């Protein structure tokens, strides 16, 4: 094949691949999910609320994958359950395919279930222990009147094979499988009704690395084939970067940064995101040993009593580098667009837009912590990675005074 023919074939394949539409399939406006804190044995009264999700406005375009990252307890799973109506919304609106579904009930909600599915974080808790895998996969087909009898059995066998389970799995119960196999059964159940939108809550966390790659490639293949839309939640930032078109970073119930995937990793504009990115392992021992990692000081505040102003100000390294501005304590930052498609909720995010200034601030902040990190553009050679005496790292021969190996 000539170079011209190869170029034309590549252009034709690219034109045939589905792309994310600018029209959002899912949209939330100021979404809030608060869980009441009750006190009293006989006469219970509400004394507070856990603000699991607190004012999140997010859109997911048709055919797109939006990654959702953040520390444990920041509200990621609650956000996913809220958008598919598994938990009640305290305030705000949820729009799906142009339809407001915040108060959907009964038959309307059942029709939505056909188009919105979820892959749960704990597969054992989400699978019925009294039903075989085959029965669980056939049930949504029957409920939504998609297939019955031999046709449903054929579809169940296809689903089992697609997610890499043996054919005998259809007659076995969840307790007979490993954690990774149960997770694959949960993925098959979500795919059974061929939905438009899937909220994947730690969909690959229970799988080993090789199976993770298979499942991620499978999700990407299904997305291209059926133009699926994903809200992908994960703790592994490398996985999120690989699969996501855009990434939203949550902290204490709020989205603090939203950006295209590569730009978020190359140029984080929120100090919390910069700290998360600095913790991503680098697959180069020389660079990993040399770089200085940013360590956040203090614990995550309670979502029942969040701080005033910016919720990250109690742990913010940028605030300390800027002489502790009181604006962070008094004023809640808005999620504003600093660059095309890149929004951030930080009063002083402009300080991180310039490469030189960002490197200076990150290096200074890392120097004040006990971790190790490197400036984003620093070039490290093998000759320059000799560990320093006060870093807690040992030379190849072992700790000082240790006997050499025979």
Protein backbone atom coordinates (compact mmCIF):
# COMPACT_ATOMS: atom_id res chain seq x y z
CA UNK A 1 0.00 0.00 0.00
CA UNK A 2 1.39 3.42 -0.95
CA UNK A 3 1.84 6.26 1.53
CA UNK A 4 -1.06 8.15 -0.04
CA UNK A 5 -3.34 5.13 0.23
CA UNK A 6 -2.32 4.59 3.85
CA UNK A 7 -3.06 8.24 4.63
CA UNK A 8 -6.48 8.02 2.99
CA UNK A 9 -7.28 4.81 4.89
CA UNK A 10 -6.26 6.42 8.18
CA UNK A 11 -8.46 9.45 7.45
CA UNK A 12 -11.39 7.17 6.59
CA UNK A 13 -10.99 5.19 9.82
CA UNK A 14 -10.79 8.39 11.84
CA UNK A 15 -13.96 9.71 10.21
CA UNK A 16 -15.78 6.48 10.99
CA UNK A 17 -14.89 6.53 14.70
CA UNK A 18 -17.61 8.08 16.87
CA UNK A 19 -16.60 11.26 18.61
CA UNK A 20 -17.91 12.97 21.70
CA UNK A 21 -20.75 15.32 20.85
CA UNK A 22 -20.71 18.86 22.25
CA UNK A 23 -24.26 18.29 23.48
CA UNK A 24 -24.16 16.97 27.05
CA UNK A 25 -25.91 13.66 27.62
CA UNK A 26 -25.74 14.20 31.39
CA UNK A 27 -25.69 17.53 33.18
CA UNK A 28 -25.91 18.49 36.83
CA UNK A 29 -26.55 21.99 38.17
CA UNK A 30 -25.58 22.85 41.76
CA UNK A 31 -26.18 19.24 42.79
CA UNK A 32 -26.25 18.62 46.54
CA UNK A 33 -26.59 15.35 48.44
CA UNK A 34 -26.63 15.78 52.22
CA UNK A 35 -27.10 12.94 54.69
CA UNK A 36 -28.78 14.03 57.95
CA UNK A 37 -27.10 13.47 61.32
CA UNK A 38 -29.78 12.44 63.83
CA UNK A 39 -29.62 12.44 67.62
CA UNK A 40 -31.97 11.06 70.25
CA UNK A 41 -33.41 7.63 71.02
CA UNK A 42 -37.14 8.37 71.26
CA UNK A 43 -37.52 11.80 69.72
CA UNK A 44 -34.90 11.97 67.00
CA UNK A 45 -33.92 15.36 65.71
CA UNK A 46 -31.50 16.44 63.04
CA UNK A 47 -28.41 18.11 64.49
CA UNK A 48 -26.41 18.43 61.30
CA UNK A 49 -25.71 16.95 57.88
CA UNK A 50 -22.86 15.25 56.05
CA UNK A 51 -22.34 17.26 52.88
CA UNK A 52 -21.22 14.41 50.64
CA UNK A 53 -21.87 16.35 47.42
CA UNK A 54 -22.18 20.09 47.80
CA UNK A 55 -22.98 22.19 44.76
CA UNK A 56 -21.46 20.22 41.85
CA UNK A 57 -22.17 21.46 38.32
CA UNK A 58 -20.82 19.00 35.76
CA UNK A 59 -21.62 17.98 32.19
CA UNK A 60 -20.75 14.75 30.40
CA UNK A 61 -20.98 14.92 26.63
CA UNK A 62 -22.41 12.13 24.52
CA UNK A 63 -19.74 9.56 23.67
CA UNK A 64 -17.27 11.02 26.18
CA UNK A 65 -15.46 9.59 29.19
CA UNK A 66 -15.16 11.92 32.17
CA UNK A 67 -12.84 10.76 34.92
CA UNK A 68 -13.65 11.62 38.53
CA UNK A 69 -10.74 11.56 40.97
CA UNK A 70 -10.08 12.59 44.55
CA UNK A 71 -9.30 11.23 47.99
CA UNK A 72 -11.48 8.66 49.71
CA UNK A 73 -14.54 10.33 51.22
CA UNK A 74 -14.61 13.29 48.83
CA UNK A 75 -18.02 12.31 47.40
CA UNK A 76 -17.14 10.54 44.15
CA UNK A 77 -19.29 7.44 44.72
CA UNK A 78 -22.19 9.50 46.08
CA UNK A 79 -22.01 11.68 42.98
CA UNK A 80 -22.24 8.62 40.73
CA UNK A 81 -25.17 7.17 42.69
CA UNK A 82 -26.98 10.50 42.60
CA UNK A 83 -26.80 11.01 38.83
CA UNK A 84 -28.35 7.59 38.17
CA UNK A 85 -30.94 8.19 40.90
CA UNK A 86 -29.85 5.57 43.42
CA UNK A 87 -29.78 8.16 46.21
CA UNK A 88 -32.15 11.08 46.70
CA UNK A 89 -30.94 14.54 45.81
CA UNK A 90 -31.11 17.24 48.48
CA UNK A 91 -30.97 20.16 46.06
CA UNK A 92 -30.03 20.98 42.49
CA UNK A 93 -30.97 19.48 39.13
CA UNK A 94 -30.01 16.46 37.04
CA UNK A 95 -30.61 16.55 33.28
CA UNK A 96 -30.30 13.45 31.09
CA UNK A 97 -30.60 13.73 27.33
CA UNK A 98 -32.46 17.03 27.66
CA UNK A 99 -34.89 15.71 30.29
CA UNK A 100 -34.94 16.86 33.92
CA UNK A 101 -34.87 13.65 36.01
CA UNK A 102 -34.25 14.92 39.55
CA UNK A 103 -37.74 13.96 40.72
CA UNK A 104 -38.33 11.01 38.37
CA UNK A 105 -40.42 8.23 39.91
CA UNK A 106 -42.20 5.02 38.96
CA UNK A 107 -42.44 4.18 35.28
CA UNK A 108 -40.38 7.18 34.21
CA UNK A 109 -37.53 6.08 36.45
CA UNK A 110 -37.76 2.50 35.21
CA UNK A 111 -37.37 3.68 31.62
CA UNK A 112 -34.29 5.62 32.67
CA UNK A 113 -32.79 2.47 34.21
CA UNK A 114 -32.62 1.00 30.72
CA UNK A 115 -30.34 3.85 29.61
CA UNK A 116 -28.31 4.41 32.80
CA UNK A 117 -26.33 1.68 34.52
CA UNK A 118 -23.64 1.45 37.18
CA UNK A 119 -20.62 -0.72 37.88
CA UNK A 120 -20.28 -0.84 41.65
CA UNK A 121 -17.09 -0.69 43.66
CA UNK A 122 -17.84 -3.78 45.78
CA UNK A 123 -18.97 -6.56 43.43
CA UNK A 124 -19.75 -9.03 46.21
CA UNK A 125 -22.17 -6.63 47.92
CA UNK A 126 -23.88 -5.73 44.65
CA UNK A 127 -24.48 -9.29 43.43
CA UNK A 128 -27.39 -11.35 44.77
CA UNK A 129 -25.87 -14.37 46.56
CA UNK A 130 -29.01 -16.43 45.89
CA UNK A 131 -28.91 -16.04 42.13
CA UNK A 132 -26.55 -17.59 39.62
CA UNK A 133 -24.58 -15.32 37.32
CA UNK A 134 -26.75 -16.44 34.40
CA UNK A 135 -29.95 -15.54 36.25
CA UNK A 136 -28.58 -12.12 37.20
CA UNK A 137 -27.63 -11.35 33.61
CA UNK A 138 -30.98 -12.55 32.26
CA UNK A 139 -33.05 -10.60 34.78
CA UNK A 140 -32.53 -7.10 33.27
CA UNK A 141 -33.26 -8.51 29.81
CA UNK A 142 -36.59 -9.82 31.10
CA UNK A 143 -37.47 -6.73 33.17
CA UNK A 144 -36.86 -4.37 30.25
CA UNK A 145 -38.42 -6.79 27.75
CA UNK A 146 -35.31 -7.01 25.60
CA UNK A 147 -35.03 -10.80 25.28
CA UNK A 148 -36.61 -14.01 26.54
CA UNK A 149 -36.03 -17.74 26.34
CA UNK A 150 -33.30 -18.95 23.94
CA UNK A 151 -32.53 -15.40 22.81
CA UNK A 152 -31.87 -14.30 26.39
CA UNK A 153 -29.72 -17.38 27.04
CA UNK A 154 -27.65 -16.59 23.96
CA UNK A 155 -27.19 -13.00 25.07
CA UNK A 156 -26.10 -14.18 28.53
CA UNK A 157 -23.47 -16.47 27.04
CA UNK A 158 -22.17 -13.60 24.89
CA UNK A 159 -21.88 -11.32 27.90
CA UNK A 160 -20.02 -13.92 29.92
CA UNK A 161 -17.51 -14.43 27.11
CA UNK A 162 -17.09 -10.70 26.49
CA UNK A 163 -15.91 -10.04 30.05
CA UNK A 164 -13.61 -13.06 30.10
CA UNK A 165 -15.54 -15.46 32.34
CA UNK A 166 -15.79 -19.18 31.55
CA UNK A 167 -19.04 -20.45 30.03
CA UNK A 168 -19.68 -22.48 33.16
CA UNK A 169 -20.07 -19.21 35.08
CA UNK A 170 -23.74 -18.94 34.09
CA UNK A 171 -24.60 -21.82 36.46
CA UNK A 172 -22.42 -20.71 39.38
CA UNK A 173 -23.05 -18.39 42.33
CA UNK A 174 -21.08 -15.25 43.27
CA UNK A 175 -19.35 -16.88 46.26
CA UNK A 176 -17.73 -19.36 43.88
CA UNK A 177 -15.70 -16.64 42.16
CA UNK A 178 -12.70 -14.55 43.06
CA UNK A 179 -13.05 -10.81 43.60
CA UNK A 180 -11.84 -10.02 40.09
CA UNK A 181 -14.26 -12.49 38.53
CA UNK A 182 -17.15 -11.03 40.52
CA UNK A 183 -16.19 -7.58 39.26
CA UNK A 184 -16.32 -8.85 35.70
CA UNK A 185 -19.79 -10.27 36.37
CA UNK A 186 -20.84 -6.81 37.58
CA UNK A 187 -19.52 -5.25 34.39
CA UNK A 188 -21.42 -7.81 32.32
CA UNK A 189 -24.62 -6.99 34.19
CA UNK A 190 -24.18 -3.27 33.49
CA UNK A 191 -23.66 -3.99 29.79
CA UNK A 192 -26.62 -6.39 29.52
CA UNK A 193 -29.22 -3.78 28.52
CA UNK A 194 -26.78 -1.88 26.28
CA UNK A 195 -27.18 1.46 28.08
CA UNK A 196 -26.23 4.92 26.86
CA UNK A 197 -24.50 5.95 30.08
CA UNK A 198 -22.46 3.94 32.59
CA UNK A 199 -21.16 5.20 35.92
CA UNK A 200 -18.12 3.04 36.70
CA UNK A 201 -17.25 3.26 40.39
CA UNK A 202 -13.76 1.76 40.78
CA UNK A 203 -14.57 -0.70 38.01
CA UNK A 204 -11.04 -2.11 37.78
CA UNK A 205 -9.76 -1.68 41.34
CA UNK A 206 -10.35 -5.36 42.22
CA UNK A 207 -8.48 -6.68 39.20
CA UNK A 208 -4.81 -7.38 38.66
CA UNK A 209 -2.89 -5.20 36.22
CA UNK A 210 -3.18 -7.48 33.17
CA UNK A 211 -6.94 -7.88 33.63
CA UNK A 212 -7.28 -4.14 34.23
CA UNK A 213 -5.85 -3.53 30.78
CA UNK A 214 -8.28 -6.04 29.24
CA UNK A 215 -11.31 -4.46 30.92
CA UNK A 216 -10.25 -0.91 30.05
CA UNK A 217 -9.70 -1.91 26.43
CA UNK A 218 -13.08 -3.65 26.49
CA UNK A 219 -14.80 -0.51 27.79
CA UNK A 220 -13.08 1.55 25.11
CA UNK A 221 -14.13 -0.91 22.41
CA UNK A 222 -17.75 -0.90 23.59
CA UNK A 223 -17.71 2.88 23.70
CA UNK A 224 -16.62 3.06 20.06
CA UNK A 225 -19.11 0.42 18.98
CA UNK A 226 -22.19 1.71 20.82
CA UNK A 227 -21.20 5.36 21.42
CA UNK A 228 -21.36 4.82 25.18
CA UNK A 229 -20.80 7.61 27.69
CA UNK A 230 -18.82 6.95 30.87
CA UNK A 231 -18.39 8.62 34.24
CA UNK A 232 -15.24 6.78 35.32
CA UNK A 233 -14.24 6.87 39.00
CA UNK A 234 -10.84 5.55 40.06
CA UNK A 235 -8.02 6.13 42.52
CA UNK A 236 -5.33 5.14 40.03
CA UNK A 237 -4.53 8.43 38.31
CA UNK A 238 -2.64 6.65 35.53
CA UNK A 239 -5.75 4.62 34.64
CA UNK A 240 -7.92 7.74 34.67
CA UNK A 241 -5.49 9.56 32.42
CA UNK A 242 -5.45 6.66 29.96
CA UNK A 243 -9.21 6.25 29.57
CA UNK A 244 -10.62 9.76 30.14
CA UNK A 245 -11.22 12.60 27.71
CA UNK A 246 -11.68 15.06 30.58
CA UNK A 247 -10.99 14.79 34.30
CA UNK A 248 -12.85 16.37 37.20
CA UNK A 249 -11.05 16.61 40.54
CA UNK A 250 -13.22 16.51 43.68
CA UNK A 251 -12.32 17.67 47.14
CA UNK A 252 -14.68 17.56 50.11
CA UNK A 253 -17.86 17.40 48.00
CA UNK A 254 -16.88 20.01 45.41
CA UNK A 255 -15.27 19.95 41.96
CA UNK A 256 -12.12 22.05 42.25
CA UNK A 257 -10.73 21.52 38.74
CA UNK A 258 -12.06 20.31 35.39
CA UNK A 259 -9.78 19.97 32.40
CA UNK A 260 -8.87 17.88 29.35
CA UNK A 261 -6.95 14.82 30.52
CA UNK A 262 -3.47 15.58 29.19
CA UNK A 263 -3.59 19.25 30.14
CA UNK A 264 -4.56 18.41 33.71
CA UNK A 265 -1.46 16.27 34.14
CA UNK A 266 0.87 18.63 32.26
CA UNK A 267 -0.39 21.92 33.74
CA UNK A 268 -2.49 21.50 36.93
CA UNK A 269 -3.84 24.86 38.05
CA UNK A 270 -5.24 23.93 41.45
CA UNK A 271 -2.81 23.30 44.32
CA UNK A 272 -4.69 20.12 45.32
CA UNK A 273 -4.42 18.73 41.78
CA UNK A 274 -0.73 19.59 41.68
CA UNK A 275 -0.22 17.57 44.87
CA UNK A 276 -2.14 14.61 43.42
CA UNK A 277 -0.12 14.67 40.20
CA UNK A 278 3.15 14.81 42.15
CA UNK A 279 2.18 11.51 43.81
CA UNK A 280 1.84 9.61 40.52
CA UNK A 281 4.75 7.14 40.23
CA UNK A 282 7.12 7.72 37.31
CA UNK A 283 8.28 4.52 35.53
CA UNK A 284 11.91 5.63 35.58
CA UNK A 285 13.91 4.74 38.70
CA UNK A 286 16.35 7.60 38.15
CA UNK A 287 13.63 10.25 37.98
CA UNK A 288 11.54 8.64 40.72
CA UNK A 289 14.48 8.63 43.11
CA UNK A 290 15.43 12.21 42.36
CA UNK A 291 12.09 13.97 42.31
CA UNK A 292 10.69 15.70 45.37
CA UNK A 293 7.15 14.67 46.25
CA UNK A 294 4.73 17.19 47.70
CA UNK A 295 3.21 16.07 51.01
CA UNK A 296 -0.02 17.71 52.11
CA UNK A 297 -0.10 18.67 55.78
CA UNK A 298 -3.04 17.70 57.97
CA UNK A 299 -6.12 15.54 57.48
CA UNK A 300 -9.16 16.07 55.29
CA UNK A 301 -11.73 18.14 57.26
CA UNK A 302 -15.05 16.56 58.18
CA UNK A 303 -17.75 16.89 55.50
CA UNK A 304 -20.19 17.51 58.35
CA UNK A 305 -18.31 20.67 59.28
CA UNK A 306 -16.34 21.91 56.25
CA UNK A 307 -14.05 24.94 56.56
CA UNK A 308 -15.22 28.38 55.53
CA UNK A 309 -14.12 29.92 52.26
CA UNK A 310 -12.01 27.60 50.15
CA UNK A 311 -12.34 24.11 51.62
CA UNK A 312 -8.75 23.27 50.75
CA UNK A 313 -7.24 26.26 52.57
CA UNK A 314 -6.46 24.25 55.73
CA UNK A 315 -4.00 22.07 53.76
CA UNK A 316 -3.07 24.37 50.87
CA UNK A 317 0.65 24.69 50.15
CA UNK A 318 0.10 27.56 47.70
CA UNK A 319 -1.60 29.63 50.40
CA UNK A 320 1.46 29.24 52.63
CA UNK A 321 3.78 30.25 49.81
CA UNK A 322 1.70 33.41 49.24
CA UNK A 323 1.99 34.63 52.84
CA UNK A 324 -1.29 33.14 54.06
CA UNK A 325 -3.87 35.37 52.29
CA UNK A 326 -7.09 35.77 54.27
CA UNK A 327 -9.19 35.71 51.10
CA UNK A 328 -8.96 31.92 51.07
CA UNK A 329 -10.57 31.78 54.53
CA UNK A 330 -13.35 34.29 53.91
CA UNK A 331 -14.39 33.85 50.27
CA UNK A 332 -15.58 30.71 48.47
CA UNK A 333 -13.78 30.47 45.09
CA UNK A 334 -15.90 30.04 41.98
CA UNK A 335 -15.18 27.38 39.37
CA UNK A 336 -13.95 29.71 36.63
CA UNK A 337 -12.42 29.13 33.20
CA UNK A 338 -8.80 30.24 33.00
CA UNK A 339 -7.98 28.50 29.72
CA UNK A 340 -10.24 27.04 27.01
CA UNK A 341 -11.95 24.02 28.57
CA UNK A 342 -9.89 24.31 31.76
CA UNK A 343 -11.81 25.45 34.85
CA UNK A 344 -10.45 25.78 38.36
CA UNK A 345 -11.81 26.89 41.75
CA UNK A 346 -8.87 28.77 43.27
CA UNK A 347 -8.41 32.48 44.00
CA UNK A 348 -4.74 32.37 43.07
CA UNK A 349 -4.72 29.84 40.21
CA UNK A 350 -3.07 32.44 37.95
CA UNK A 351 0.12 31.90 39.97
CA UNK A 352 0.34 28.41 38.45
CA UNK A 353 -0.33 29.34 34.82
CA UNK A 354 3.25 30.38 34.05
CA UNK A 355 5.76 27.54 33.81
CA UNK A 356 8.63 29.32 35.57
CA UNK A 357 6.48 30.66 38.40
CA UNK A 358 4.73 27.29 38.84
CA UNK A 359 8.06 25.47 39.05
CA UNK A 360 9.37 27.94 41.64
CA UNK A 361 6.29 27.57 43.83
CA UNK A 362 6.14 23.78 43.58
CA UNK A 363 9.86 23.42 44.32
CA UNK A 364 9.60 25.75 47.32
CA UNK A 365 6.53 23.97 48.68
CA UNK A 366 8.14 20.55 48.23
CA UNK A 367 11.23 21.78 50.01
CA UNK A 368 9.11 22.69 53.03
CA UNK A 369 7.63 19.19 53.23
CA UNK A 370 9.25 15.88 54.07
CA UNK A 371 8.61 14.38 50.64
CA UNK A 372 10.50 14.51 47.38
CA UNK A 373 9.42 15.97 44.07
CA UNK A 374 11.01 17.39 40.98
CA UNK A 375 10.10 20.43 38.97
CA UNK A 376 7.90 19.29 36.03
CA UNK A 377 10.46 20.21 33.35
CA UNK A 378 13.61 19.17 35.19
CA UNK A 379 15.88 16.76 33.32
CA UNK A 380 17.44 14.17 35.59
CA UNK A 381 20.42 12.07 34.55
CA UNK A 382 21.51 8.81 36.20
CA UNK A 383 24.68 10.52 37.46
CA UNK A 384 22.63 13.11 39.37
CA UNK A 385 20.44 10.76 41.37
CA UNK A 386 22.78 9.87 44.24
CA UNK A 387 20.56 9.88 47.36
CA UNK A 388 21.21 12.57 49.91
CA UNK A 389 22.21 11.60 53.44
CA UNK A 390 19.21 13.15 55.18
CA UNK A 391 16.51 11.85 52.82
CA UNK A 392 15.96 8.45 54.36
CA UNK A 393 17.07 6.75 51.14
CA UNK A 394 19.94 4.29 51.24
CA UNK A 395 22.70 3.76 48.72
CA UNK A 396 22.72 0.43 46.81
CA UNK A 397 25.06 -1.06 49.42
CA UNK A 398 22.51 -0.57 52.19
CA UNK A 399 22.29 1.75 55.20
CA UNK A 400 25.45 3.34 56.61
CA UNK A 401 27.48 0.84 58.56
CA UNK A 402 25.78 -2.21 57.05
CA UNK A 403 27.90 -5.18 56.07
CA UNK A 404 28.17 -5.70 52.30
CA UNK A 405 26.40 -8.70 50.81
CA UNK A 406 28.52 -11.73 50.06
